[in-house]
Amino acid sequence: MRIIVRLAGTALPWRYKDSDRLGDWIDSRPWTGSPTVRVLRVADRTSPEHLFDAIRDAVTAADRNATGVEVTTLEATDVDTDGFGAAVAKHLDISATRQTLELAMAFGRASKMERPTLWLIPPLTGTRPQVIDETEQFVELVKKLEPSARFTVLFTDTPIETLTGRHFDFTTGGPAIGTDIFTVLEDHLWAHYMHRRVAWEVGGNYSLAKRLSTAVEEAKISRGDDSGFEHVLGQEAQIAYSELPQSMKDALPGALTAKVGDSSRRNSVMSTMFWNPSHFGGLALVPWIARSLLALNPVRPFADSLRGSLVCLPICQELLTACFFLETHVRGQIHLPPYPPDSAKCREAWGRFTNFPGYPAILYPSGSPSVPTNPWAFASLGELLTHEIAKPFGTDWRHDLRQLRNHLAHCQYSGWEAVRLARHLASRVST
């Protein structure tokens, strides 16, 4: 399912945790089978509209004009007030004053005669927590009365006001990794860079990203002015932090220590201050909050961890992957002696590999052609360059590659200059 988000003057495809799962569900064309009720979880009430647009496009593509399925959005206030059955009756101009049985029969009859429908329902206000049970009961009644009725219901909820434990998780997202850092035209690179950084800064929260993007665009930052960009990020982080309830600020030190171990604080603290950037098991502090805390006290407890939260992992991952690829190319071009001298550090690693059955030998599949056959395989790039035969004259750009790779591998900041340097190094190899 293709989800397009525009930030900092450029549009990029985004991915969420359950992008593929929701896309697979839509591709299965649920509106052609037995009516079902599902839930889409978003970050907050203001964030689902771009997802609704993507769902409409995905439904149209999956249907291929076979059924003429319609995607219709109900008013959340109507569902909140009277429930799904009455809200959809109002939409279809069916009298909502009928008894439930009559209402279900009329709705089922309409669903059978018209084209199938996917009903989208924006986040509710939380005044009707029983709405999923009500809707499922109503749907079951419709199915009994009109087995040929064809429709699907997709509710939307938030981490603060959940409707069910079963849901498609679209709370946090971000630009797809591995798409354009090295292929986008130079004139568009700065905008792409800012888009990715904005998405990371807000912890993948769409509505916060739109707000931060507006501030970045209004600042009219010059191309490549990473310091100016950082200044805007800092200003907006401090504004957002000042707007947090004092109770959240008070809970943050304990949350940092315990990773929100107190379930009573989980919804209010975790959903706002912590996120799962790569959908791993652990949680990380949302970057803009880490930025605010560091601005208030750069030597506070957990300061190094907070600085680590600011490292934009998607950019870092792309750059580091490129460095690995470039280093593989460089290693293959270095002219070395057949065997390293006794003083070479790689001989120690080679001894562990050949003489001990544990690490690192266990990392290589038995019989694989990838198994090293020479101590040079365990040498760092720096050591290889030190022992190179016939070194080049002048400045050696390969040391820039080595230093950038080490910088990224040790979780250091990956900003604009790192992007520019990586692209420059990539051009050296491709020419």
Protein backbone atom coordinates (compact mmCIF):
# COMPACT_ATOMS: atom_id res chain seq x y z
CA MET A 1 0.00 0.00 0.00
CA ARG A 2 1.53 3.30 -1.12
CA ILE A 3 1.31 6.11 1.46
CA ILE A 4 2.62 9.51 0.35
CA VAL A 5 3.51 12.22 2.88
CA ARG A 6 4.67 15.73 2.03
CA LEU A 7 7.10 17.38 4.47
CA ALA A 8 9.69 20.14 4.16
CA GLY A 9 8.73 20.80 0.56
CA THR A 10 9.00 17.28 -0.81
CA ALA A 11 6.79 14.17 -0.94
CA LEU A 12 8.12 10.73 0.00
CA PRO A 13 6.51 7.31 0.46
CA TRP A 14 6.08 6.36 4.11
CA ARG A 15 5.94 2.99 5.80
CA TYR A 16 4.26 2.06 9.06
CA LYS A 17 4.61 -1.06 11.17
CA ASP A 18 1.57 -2.70 9.60
CA SER A 19 1.73 -1.19 6.11
CA ASP A 20 2.22 -4.61 4.53
CA ARG A 21 -0.35 -6.31 6.73
CA LEU A 22 -3.04 -3.75 5.94
CA GLY A 23 -2.06 -3.85 2.27
CA ASP A 24 -2.36 -7.64 2.21
CA TRP A 25 -5.77 -7.41 3.86
CA ILE A 26 -6.97 -4.94 1.24
CA ASP A 27 -5.50 -7.07 -1.55
CA SER A 28 -7.63 -9.97 -0.26
CA ARG A 29 -10.71 -7.83 -1.09
CA PRO A 30 -12.57 -8.41 2.19
CA TRP A 31 -15.62 -6.57 0.84
CA THR A 32 -16.36 -9.55 -1.40
CA GLY A 33 -16.69 -11.98 1.51
CA SER A 34 -18.48 -12.10 4.81
CA PRO A 35 -18.78 -8.66 6.50
CA THR A 36 -16.03 -7.97 9.05
CA VAL A 37 -15.01 -5.29 11.55
CA ARG A 38 -11.37 -4.18 11.85
CA VAL A 39 -9.48 -1.41 13.66
CA LEU A 40 -6.71 0.89 12.40
CA ARG A 41 -4.63 2.49 15.18
CA VAL A 42 -3.14 5.94 14.51
CA ALA A 43 -1.13 8.34 16.67
CA ASP A 44 -3.95 10.78 17.40
CA ARG A 45 -7.30 12.00 16.12
CA THR A 46 -5.79 14.42 13.61
CA SER A 47 -3.61 11.91 11.76
CA PRO A 48 -5.74 9.44 9.74
CA GLU A 49 -6.77 11.47 6.67
CA HIS A 50 -3.63 10.76 4.62
CA LEU A 51 -4.09 7.08 5.49
CA PHE A 52 -7.71 7.19 4.36
CA ASP A 53 -6.53 8.59 1.02
CA ALA A 54 -4.04 5.72 0.69
CA ILE A 55 -6.70 3.17 1.64
CA ARG A 56 -9.06 4.51 -1.03
CA ASP A 57 -6.34 4.20 -3.67
CA ALA A 58 -5.37 0.71 -2.49
CA VAL A 59 -8.98 -0.49 -2.50
CA THR A 60 -9.51 0.80 -6.04
CA ALA A 61 -6.33 -0.91 -7.21
CA ALA A 62 -7.17 -4.20 -5.51
CA ASP A 63 -10.75 -4.24 -6.83
CA ARG A 64 -9.75 -3.67 -10.48
CA ASN A 65 -13.32 -2.55 -11.22
CA ALA A 66 -14.58 -6.06 -10.46
CA THR A 67 -17.18 -4.99 -7.89
CA GLY A 68 -17.16 -1.20 -8.02
CA VAL A 69 -16.55 -1.10 -4.26
CA GLU A 70 -17.11 2.26 -2.59
CA VAL A 71 -15.02 3.64 0.28
CA THR A 72 -17.21 5.84 2.47
CA THR A 73 -16.26 7.81 5.57
CA LEU A 74 -18.85 8.07 8.32
CA GLU A 75 -19.10 11.01 10.69
CA ALA A 76 -17.35 10.06 13.93
CA THR A 77 -19.80 12.14 15.94
CA ASP A 78 -22.75 10.14 14.58
CA VAL A 79 -21.10 6.84 15.51
CA ASP A 80 -20.13 8.25 18.91
CA THR A 81 -23.68 9.33 19.63
CA ASP A 82 -25.81 6.49 18.31
CA GLY A 83 -23.47 3.66 17.27
CA PHE A 84 -22.52 2.26 13.88
CA GLY A 85 -25.95 0.96 12.89
CA ALA A 86 -27.74 4.25 13.43
CA ALA A 87 -24.89 6.26 11.87
CA VAL A 88 -24.85 4.21 8.68
CA ALA A 89 -28.65 4.33 8.53
CA LYS A 90 -28.47 8.12 8.68
CA HIS A 91 -25.92 8.11 5.87
CA LEU A 92 -28.16 5.89 3.71
CA ASP A 93 -31.33 7.88 4.57
CA ILE A 94 -32.78 4.90 6.39
CA SER A 95 -34.91 5.83 9.39
CA ALA A 96 -32.73 5.34 12.46
CA THR A 97 -35.78 5.24 14.73
CA ARG A 98 -36.54 1.65 13.72
CA GLN A 99 -35.93 -1.24 16.05
CA THR A 100 -32.51 -2.88 15.74
CA LEU A 101 -33.92 -5.86 13.86
CA GLU A 102 -35.68 -3.66 11.29
CA LEU A 103 -32.62 -1.44 10.99
CA ALA A 104 -30.33 -4.41 10.36
CA MET A 105 -32.72 -5.82 7.77
CA ALA A 106 -32.97 -2.48 5.93
CA PHE A 107 -29.21 -1.99 6.00
CA GLY A 108 -28.59 -5.57 4.86
CA ARG A 109 -31.02 -5.17 1.99
CA ALA A 110 -29.30 -1.96 0.89
CA SER A 111 -25.87 -3.59 1.21
CA LYS A 112 -27.00 -6.49 -0.96
CA MET A 113 -28.49 -4.35 -3.71
CA GLU A 114 -25.82 -1.65 -3.93
CA ARG A 115 -22.13 -1.98 -4.63
CA PRO A 116 -20.04 -3.31 -1.71
CA THR A 117 -18.79 -0.69 0.73
CA LEU A 118 -15.77 -0.22 2.97
CA TRP A 119 -16.94 2.00 5.81
CA LEU A 120 -14.17 4.16 7.30
CA ILE A 121 -14.72 5.65 10.75
CA PRO A 122 -12.35 8.34 12.11
CA PRO A 123 -11.22 8.20 15.76
CA LEU A 124 -14.07 8.57 18.25
CA THR A 125 -14.12 10.78 21.32
CA GLY A 126 -13.98 7.87 23.73
CA THR A 127 -17.54 8.26 24.99
CA ARG A 128 -18.59 4.94 23.45
CA PRO A 129 -15.99 2.28 24.45
CA GLN A 130 -18.46 -0.52 23.69
CA VAL A 131 -18.75 0.49 20.04
CA ILE A 132 -16.76 -2.48 18.66
CA ASP A 133 -18.91 -5.03 20.49
CA GLU A 134 -22.06 -3.19 19.37
CA THR A 135 -20.91 -3.10 15.78
CA GLU A 136 -19.87 -6.75 15.69
CA GLN A 137 -23.25 -7.76 17.10
CA PHE A 138 -25.01 -5.57 14.54
CA VAL A 139 -22.91 -7.02 11.72
CA GLU A 140 -23.67 -10.58 12.83
CA LEU A 141 -27.39 -9.74 12.82
CA VAL A 142 -27.14 -8.30 9.30
CA LYS A 143 -25.32 -11.43 8.09
CA LYS A 144 -28.09 -13.67 9.45
CA LEU A 145 -30.86 -11.59 7.93
CA GLU A 146 -29.15 -10.89 4.59
CA PRO A 147 -26.33 -13.41 3.95
CA SER A 148 -25.56 -11.71 0.62
CA ALA A 149 -24.81 -8.32 2.23
CA ARG A 150 -21.33 -7.13 1.26
CA PHE A 151 -19.53 -4.55 3.37
CA THR A 152 -16.53 -4.09 5.66
CA VAL A 153 -16.12 -1.75 8.63
CA LEU A 154 -12.75 -0.18 9.50
CA PHE A 155 -12.68 1.80 12.74
CA THR A 156 -9.81 4.08 13.75
CA ASP A 157 -8.56 4.46 17.31
CA THR A 158 -5.54 5.93 19.14
CA PRO A 159 -3.17 4.65 21.84
CA ILE A 160 -4.91 6.91 24.35
CA GLU A 161 -8.45 5.79 23.48
CA THR A 162 -8.20 2.19 22.34
CA LEU A 163 -11.19 0.23 21.06
CA THR A 164 -9.66 -3.24 20.95
CA GLY A 165 -6.38 -5.07 21.25
CA ARG A 166 -6.61 -6.33 17.66
CA HIS A 167 -5.57 -3.61 15.23
CA PHE A 168 -3.40 -2.51 12.32
CA ASP A 169 -0.59 -0.46 13.90
CA PHE A 170 -0.12 2.88 12.14
CA THR A 171 0.91 4.93 15.16
CA THR A 172 4.43 5.71 13.94
CA GLY A 173 5.97 5.68 10.49
CA GLY A 174 8.55 7.32 8.30
CA PRO A 175 10.09 7.42 4.84
CA ALA A 176 10.91 4.05 3.34
CA ILE A 177 14.57 3.14 3.84
CA GLY A 178 16.90 2.64 0.91
CA THR A 179 15.13 4.72 -1.71
CA ASP A 180 16.83 7.94 -2.62
CA ILE A 181 19.76 9.20 -0.53
CA PHE A 182 22.18 8.12 -3.26
CA THR A 183 19.95 8.43 -6.30
CA VAL A 184 18.01 11.66 -5.87
CA LEU A 185 19.24 14.61 -7.94
CA GLU A 186 21.54 17.00 -6.11
CA ASP A 187 19.01 19.85 -6.35
CA HIS A 188 16.43 17.79 -4.42
CA LEU A 189 18.76 16.19 -1.87
CA TRP A 190 18.43 18.90 0.81
CA ALA A 191 14.63 18.70 0.83
CA HIS A 192 14.75 14.90 1.01
CA TYR A 193 17.24 15.12 3.87
CA MET A 194 15.05 17.55 5.83
CA HIS A 195 11.95 15.40 5.25
CA ARG A 196 13.69 12.38 6.73
CA ARG A 197 15.07 14.33 9.67
CA VAL A 198 11.66 15.89 10.46
CA ALA A 199 10.00 12.47 10.42
CA TRP A 200 12.61 11.10 12.81
CA GLU A 201 12.58 14.15 15.10
CA VAL A 202 8.90 13.65 15.97
CA GLY A 203 9.14 9.91 16.45
CA GLY A 204 7.21 9.12 13.27
CA ASN A 205 4.10 10.97 14.46
CA TYR A 206 2.36 12.27 11.33
CA SER A 207 0.51 15.22 12.84
CA LEU A 208 3.58 16.40 14.77
CA ALA A 209 5.63 16.04 11.60
CA LYS A 210 3.23 18.33 9.73
CA ARG A 211 3.50 20.92 12.48
CA LEU A 212 7.30 20.77 12.54
CA SER A 213 7.44 20.83 8.74
CA THR A 214 5.45 24.06 8.70
CA ALA A 215 7.94 25.67 11.08
CA VAL A 216 10.88 24.46 8.98
CA GLU A 217 9.37 25.80 5.75
CA GLU A 218 8.49 29.14 7.35
CA ALA A 219 12.09 29.51 8.56
CA LYS A 220 13.28 29.47 4.91
CA ILE A 221 16.50 27.66 5.78
CA SER A 222 19.18 27.96 3.11
CA ARG A 223 20.17 24.79 1.30
CA GLY A 224 22.80 22.94 3.29
CA ASP A 225 22.46 25.12 6.39
CA ASP A 226 22.40 22.23 8.83
CA SER A 227 23.15 24.53 11.77
CA GLY A 228 20.12 26.66 10.90
CA PHE A 229 18.05 23.53 10.57
CA GLU A 230 19.22 22.34 14.00
CA HIS A 231 18.30 25.72 15.46
CA VAL A 232 14.72 25.39 14.22
CA LEU A 233 14.50 21.84 15.54
CA GLY A 234 15.72 23.06 18.92
CA GLN A 235 13.27 25.94 19.07
CA GLU A 236 10.29 23.77 18.15
CA ALA A 237 11.33 21.07 20.61
CA GLN A 238 11.41 23.57 23.46
CA ILE A 239 8.00 24.95 22.49
CA ALA A 240 6.49 21.46 22.34
CA TYR A 241 8.10 20.49 25.65
CA SER A 242 6.67 23.57 27.35
CA GLU A 243 3.20 22.48 26.23
CA LEU A 244 3.45 19.05 27.86
CA PRO A 245 1.40 18.56 31.03
CA GLN A 246 3.50 18.92 34.16
CA SER A 247 2.49 15.41 35.18
CA MET A 248 4.27 14.01 32.12
CA LYS A 249 7.39 16.03 32.83
CA ASP A 250 7.38 14.79 36.41
CA ALA A 251 6.99 11.18 35.26
CA LEU A 252 9.82 11.36 32.71
CA PRO A 253 12.84 10.74 35.03
CA GLY A 254 11.26 7.57 36.36
CA ALA A 255 10.21 6.53 32.89
CA LEU A 256 13.76 6.93 31.61
CA THR A 257 15.02 4.71 34.40
CA ALA A 258 12.33 2.06 34.24
CA LYS A 259 11.37 2.29 30.54
CA VAL A 260 7.81 2.97 31.63
CA GLY A 261 7.51 -0.14 33.74
CA ASP A 262 4.47 1.21 35.60
CA SER A 263 1.48 0.11 33.50
CA SER A 264 -0.67 2.85 35.08
CA ARG A 265 1.50 5.43 33.33
CA ARG A 266 1.92 3.48 30.11
CA ASN A 267 -0.71 5.17 27.92
CA SER A 268 -0.05 8.77 28.90
CA VAL A 269 3.73 8.63 29.11
CA MET A 270 4.79 5.95 26.64
CA SER A 271 2.59 6.98 23.73
CA THR A 272 3.81 10.58 23.94
CA MET A 273 7.43 10.26 25.01
CA PHE A 274 8.59 6.84 23.81
CA TRP A 275 8.40 5.06 20.49
CA ASN A 276 9.62 1.97 18.69
CA PRO A 277 11.63 3.37 15.75
CA SER A 278 12.35 0.09 13.99
CA HIS A 279 9.58 -2.03 15.51
CA PHE A 280 12.04 -3.93 17.70
CA GLY A 281 11.12 -5.12 21.18
CA GLY A 282 12.55 -2.10 23.00
CA LEU A 283 11.56 1.53 23.31
CA ALA A 284 13.48 4.75 22.69
CA LEU A 285 12.81 8.30 23.79
CA VAL A 286 11.18 10.40 21.07
CA PRO A 287 13.98 12.58 19.62
CA TRP A 288 12.39 16.01 20.18
CA ILE A 289 11.98 15.22 23.87
CA ALA A 290 15.60 14.08 24.10
CA ARG A 291 16.62 17.32 22.37
CA SER A 292 14.63 19.38 24.89
CA LEU A 293 16.16 17.60 27.88
CA LEU A 294 19.69 18.02 26.54
CA ALA A 295 19.07 21.73 25.93
CA LEU A 296 17.98 22.11 29.56
CA ASN A 297 20.97 20.16 30.89
CA PRO A 298 23.52 18.63 28.49
CA VAL A 299 25.29 16.68 31.28
CA ARG A 300 22.18 15.22 32.89
CA PRO A 301 21.93 11.48 33.69
CA PHE A 302 21.45 9.37 30.57
CA ALA A 303 22.84 12.24 28.44
CA ASP A 304 24.68 9.85 26.09
CA SER A 305 21.52 7.81 25.64
CA LEU A 306 19.58 10.99 24.89
CA ARG A 307 22.13 12.01 22.28
CA GLY A 308 21.80 8.55 20.76
CA SER A 309 18.06 9.15 20.39
CA LEU A 310 18.85 12.06 18.07
CA VAL A 311 20.77 9.89 15.60
CA CYS A 312 18.47 9.49 12.59
CA LEU A 313 18.77 5.72 12.19
CA PRO A 314 17.21 5.47 8.69
CA ILE A 315 19.78 7.91 7.27
CA CYS A 316 22.56 6.29 9.29
CA GLN A 317 21.53 2.86 8.04
CA GLU A 318 21.61 3.93 4.39
CA LEU A 319 24.99 5.61 4.77
CA LEU A 320 26.48 2.70 6.68
CA THR A 321 25.21 0.21 4.11
CA ALA A 322 26.83 2.31 1.40
CA CYS A 323 30.09 2.40 3.37
CA PHE A 324 30.08 -1.40 3.64
CA PHE A 325 29.53 -1.71 -0.10
CA LEU A 326 32.25 0.84 -0.90
CA GLU A 327 34.69 -0.78 1.51
CA THR A 328 34.12 -4.16 -0.16
CA HIS A 329 35.05 -2.54 -3.46
CA VAL A 330 38.12 -0.83 -1.99
CA ARG A 331 39.36 -3.99 -0.27
CA GLY A 332 39.27 -5.83 -3.57
CA GLN A 333 41.53 -3.19 -5.17
CA ILE A 334 44.27 -3.01 -2.51
CA HIS A 335 47.56 -4.69 -3.51
CA LEU A 336 48.86 -6.56 -0.46
CA PRO A 337 51.70 -8.99 0.36
CA PRO A 338 50.59 -12.64 0.17
CA TYR A 339 50.76 -12.95 3.95
CA PRO A 340 50.72 -10.26 6.66
CA PRO A 341 53.87 -9.62 8.73
CA ASP A 342 54.13 -10.96 12.27
CA SER A 343 53.30 -7.51 13.68
CA ALA A 344 49.94 -7.30 11.89
CA LYS A 345 46.96 -7.21 14.26
CA CYS A 346 44.88 -9.36 11.94
CA ARG A 347 47.07 -12.39 12.71
CA GLU A 348 45.64 -12.55 16.22
CA ALA A 349 42.08 -12.63 14.90
CA TRP A 350 43.10 -15.23 12.35
CA GLY A 351 44.52 -17.38 15.16
CA ARG A 352 41.25 -17.24 17.09
CA PHE A 353 39.34 -18.11 13.94
CA THR A 354 41.47 -21.13 13.04
CA ASN A 355 42.26 -22.50 16.51
CA PHE A 356 39.06 -22.07 18.53
CA PRO A 357 35.63 -23.58 17.76
CA GLY A 358 33.65 -20.59 19.10
CA TYR A 359 33.49 -16.96 18.02
CA PRO A 360 34.09 -15.87 15.25
CA ALA A 361 34.17 -19.26 13.49
CA ILE A 362 30.56 -20.05 14.43
CA LEU A 363 29.39 -17.01 12.41
CA TYR A 364 30.38 -18.74 9.16
CA PRO A 365 28.29 -21.58 7.69
CA SER A 366 30.31 -24.77 7.32
CA GLY A 367 31.38 -25.35 3.72
CA SER A 368 30.41 -21.85 2.58
CA PRO A 369 32.70 -20.09 0.07
CA SER A 370 32.49 -17.08 2.38
CA VAL A 371 34.81 -18.73 4.94
CA PRO A 372 38.10 -16.71 5.08
CA THR A 373 41.28 -18.36 3.85
CA ASN A 374 43.81 -15.67 4.78
CA PRO A 375 44.53 -13.44 7.81
CA TRP A 376 43.97 -10.32 5.68
CA ALA A 377 40.23 -11.07 5.84
CA PHE A 378 40.28 -9.96 9.49
CA ALA A 379 42.25 -6.76 8.94
CA SER A 380 40.59 -3.38 9.33
CA LEU A 381 40.59 -1.08 6.35
CA GLY A 382 43.14 1.06 8.14
CA GLU A 383 45.48 -1.91 8.57
CA LEU A 384 45.09 -2.90 4.93
CA LEU A 385 45.98 0.61 3.80
CA THR A 386 48.99 0.62 6.15
CA HIS A 387 50.41 -2.55 4.57
CA GLU A 388 49.45 -1.70 1.00
CA ILE A 389 52.14 -2.12 -1.63
CA ALA A 390 52.74 0.99 -3.77
CA LYS A 391 50.58 3.51 -1.87
CA PRO A 392 49.07 6.35 -3.93
CA PHE A 393 50.64 9.82 -3.82
CA GLY A 394 48.89 12.70 -2.08
CA THR A 395 45.68 12.63 -0.07
CA ASP A 396 44.05 9.21 0.03
CA TRP A 397 40.24 9.45 -0.12
CA ARG A 398 39.93 5.88 1.17
CA HIS A 399 40.77 7.14 4.67
CA ASP A 400 37.68 9.36 4.47
CA LEU A 401 35.66 6.22 3.82
CA ARG A 402 37.27 4.49 6.80
CA GLN A 403 36.62 7.42 9.12
CA LEU A 404 33.02 7.88 7.99
CA ARG A 405 32.28 4.18 8.44
CA ASN A 406 33.76 4.24 11.95
CA HIS A 407 31.80 7.39 12.77
CA LEU A 408 28.51 5.81 11.74
CA ALA A 409 29.25 2.38 13.22
CA HIS A 410 29.82 3.98 16.63
CA CYS A 411 26.35 5.58 16.58
CA GLN A 412 27.60 9.12 16.04
CA TYR A 413 25.45 11.88 14.55
CA SER A 414 24.59 11.45 10.87
CA GLY A 415 23.84 14.91 9.54
CA TRP A 416 24.07 16.76 6.25
CA GLU A 417 27.86 16.61 5.94
CA ALA A 418 27.80 12.84 6.43
CA VAL A 419 25.28 12.55 3.58
CA ARG A 420 27.37 14.76 1.29
CA LEU A 421 30.58 12.90 2.11
CA ALA A 422 28.97 9.50 1.50
CA ARG A 423 27.64 10.62 -1.88
CA HIS A 424 31.06 12.01 -2.79
CA LEU A 425 32.77 8.74 -1.85
CA ALA A 426 30.20 6.76 -3.83
CA SER A 427 31.00 8.89 -6.88
CA ARG A 428 34.71 8.08 -6.52
CA VAL A 429 34.01 4.38 -6.78
CA SER A 430 31.53 4.66 -9.65
CA THR A 431 33.84 6.73 -11.85
